[in-house]
C-alpha atoms as a PDB file:
ATOM      1  CA  MET A   1      -5.926   9.410  27.494  1.00  0.00           C
ATOM      2  CA  PRO A   2      -3.133   9.082  24.896  1.00  0.00           C
ATOM      3  CA  LYS A   3      -3.370  10.456  21.399  1.00  0.00           C
ATOM      4  CA  MET A   4      -4.660   8.215  18.610  1.00  0.00           C
ATOM      5  CA  LYS A   5      -1.859   7.089  16.289  1.00  0.00           C
ATOM      6  CA  THR A   6      -2.290   7.220  12.514  1.00  0.00           C
ATOM      7  CA  ASN A   7      -1.450   3.969  10.722  1.00  0.00           C
ATOM      8  CA  SER A   8       1.781   4.689   8.812  1.00  0.00           C
ATOM      9  CA  GLY A   9       0.951   2.365   5.895  1.00  0.00           C
ATOM     10  CA  ALA A  10      -2.494   3.924   5.464  1.00  0.00           C
ATOM     11  CA  LYS A  11      -1.247   7.534   5.420  1.00  0.00           C
ATOM     12  CA  LYS A  12       1.079   6.650   2.508  1.00  0.00           C
ATOM     13  CA  ARG A  13      -1.668   4.932   0.512  1.00  0.00           C
ATOM     14  CA  PHE A  14      -4.786   7.050   0.981  1.00  0.00           C
ATOM     15  CA  ALA A  15      -5.649  10.738   0.610  1.00  0.00           C
ATOM     16  CA  LEU A  16      -8.796  12.704   1.353  1.00  0.00           C
ATOM     17  CA  THR A  17     -10.603  14.662  -1.347  1.00  0.00           C
ATOM     18  CA  GLY A  18     -12.300  17.995  -0.754  1.00  0.00           C
ATOM     19  CA  THR A  19     -15.723  16.348  -0.517  1.00  0.00           C
ATOM     20  CA  GLY A  20     -14.560  13.823   2.090  1.00  0.00           C
ATOM     21  CA  LYS A  21     -14.102  10.797  -0.138  1.00  0.00           C
ATOM     22  CA  ILE A  22     -10.908   8.759   0.083  1.00  0.00           C
ATOM     23  CA  LYS A  23      -8.601   8.518  -2.927  1.00  0.00           C
ATOM     24  CA  ARG A  24      -6.556   5.387  -3.588  1.00  0.00           C
ATOM     25  CA  LYS A  25      -4.227   4.066  -6.282  1.00  0.00           C
ATOM     26  CA  HIS A  26      -5.000   0.959  -8.311  1.00  0.00           C
ATOM     27  CA  ALA A  27      -3.096  -2.244  -7.640  1.00  0.00           C
ATOM     28  CA  PHE A  28      -1.114  -4.259 -10.228  1.00  0.00           C
ATOM     29  CA  LYS A  29       0.762  -1.265 -11.701  1.00  0.00           C
ATOM     30  CA  SER A  30       4.198  -1.761 -10.121  1.00  0.00           C
ATOM     31  CA  HIS A  31       5.885  -4.632 -11.982  1.00  0.00           C
ATOM     32  CA  ILE A  32       5.365  -7.408 -14.581  1.00  0.00           C
ATOM     33  CA  LEU A  33       3.962  -4.802 -16.965  1.00  0.00           C
ATOM     34  CA  THR A  34       5.089  -6.519 -20.185  1.00  0.00           C
ATOM     35  CA  LYS A  35       2.127  -8.891 -20.300  1.00  0.00           C
ATOM     36  CA  LYS A  36      -0.427  -6.159 -19.602  1.00  0.00           C
ATOM     37  CA  THR A  37      -2.001  -4.244 -22.473  1.00  0.00           C
ATOM     38  CA  LYS A  38      -1.500  -0.501 -22.990  1.00  0.00           C
ATOM     39  CA  LYS A  39      -5.171   0.059 -22.234  1.00  0.00           C
ATOM     40  CA  GLN A  40      -4.973  -1.873 -18.971  1.00  0.00           C
ATOM     41  CA  LYS A  41      -1.870   0.017 -17.812  1.00  0.00           C
ATOM     42  CA  ARG A  42      -3.412   3.355 -18.779  1.00  0.00           C
ATOM     43  CA  ASN A  43      -6.588   2.620 -16.833  1.00  0.00           C
ATOM     44  CA  LEU A  44      -4.612   1.536 -13.762  1.00  0.00           C
ATOM     45  CA  THR A  45      -2.864   4.935 -13.729  1.00  0.00           C
ATOM     46  CA  HIS A  46      -6.016   6.813 -12.689  1.00  0.00           C
ATOM     47  CA  PHE A  47      -6.948   7.221  -9.045  1.00  0.00           C
ATOM     48  CA  GLY A  48      -9.943   5.367  -7.700  1.00  0.00           C
ATOM     49  CA  THR A  49     -12.036   5.939  -4.599  1.00  0.00           C
ATOM     50  CA  VAL A  50     -12.426   3.637  -1.628  1.00  0.00           C
ATOM     51  CA  SER A  51     -15.809   1.901  -1.620  1.00  0.00           C
ATOM     52  CA  ARG A  52     -18.440   3.131   0.815  1.00  0.00           C
ATOM     53  CA  VAL A  53     -18.290  -0.176   2.739  1.00  0.00           C
ATOM     54  CA  ASP A  54     -14.556   0.203   3.495  1.00  0.00           C
ATOM     55  CA  GLU A  55     -14.575   3.958   4.174  1.00  0.00           C
ATOM     56  CA  HIS A  56     -15.219   3.603   7.919  1.00  0.00           C
ATOM     57  CA  GLN A  57     -12.256   1.254   8.384  1.00  0.00           C
ATOM     58  CA  VAL A  58      -9.851   3.411   6.336  1.00  0.00           C
ATOM     59  CA  LYS A  59     -10.923   6.566   8.194  1.00  0.00           C
ATOM     60  CA  SER A  60     -10.223   4.896  11.517  1.00  0.00           C
ATOM     61  CA  LEU A  61      -6.749   3.887  10.278  1.00  0.00           C
ATOM     62  CA  LEU A  62      -6.138   7.514   9.332  1.00  0.00           C
ATOM     63  CA  GLY A  63      -7.347   8.690  12.736  1.00  0.00           C
ATOM     64  CA  LEU A  64     -10.337  10.561  11.347  1.00  0.00           C
ATOM     65  CA  ARG A  65     -13.009   8.791  13.451  1.00  0.00           C
END
């Protein structure tokens, strides 16, 4: 049986934490930043975690399941 391939887009976008959760970046932080407030841009800088519902799908893309 061939090896399972990791999805290239997913490996660039997600990272595993030590406890097994999946880190992700917030969207809407790349361009058209002039109309966004300082507070909004600052809050988008922080990493978020993938919701529990989507974890199974992201882990399969990363080849972890």
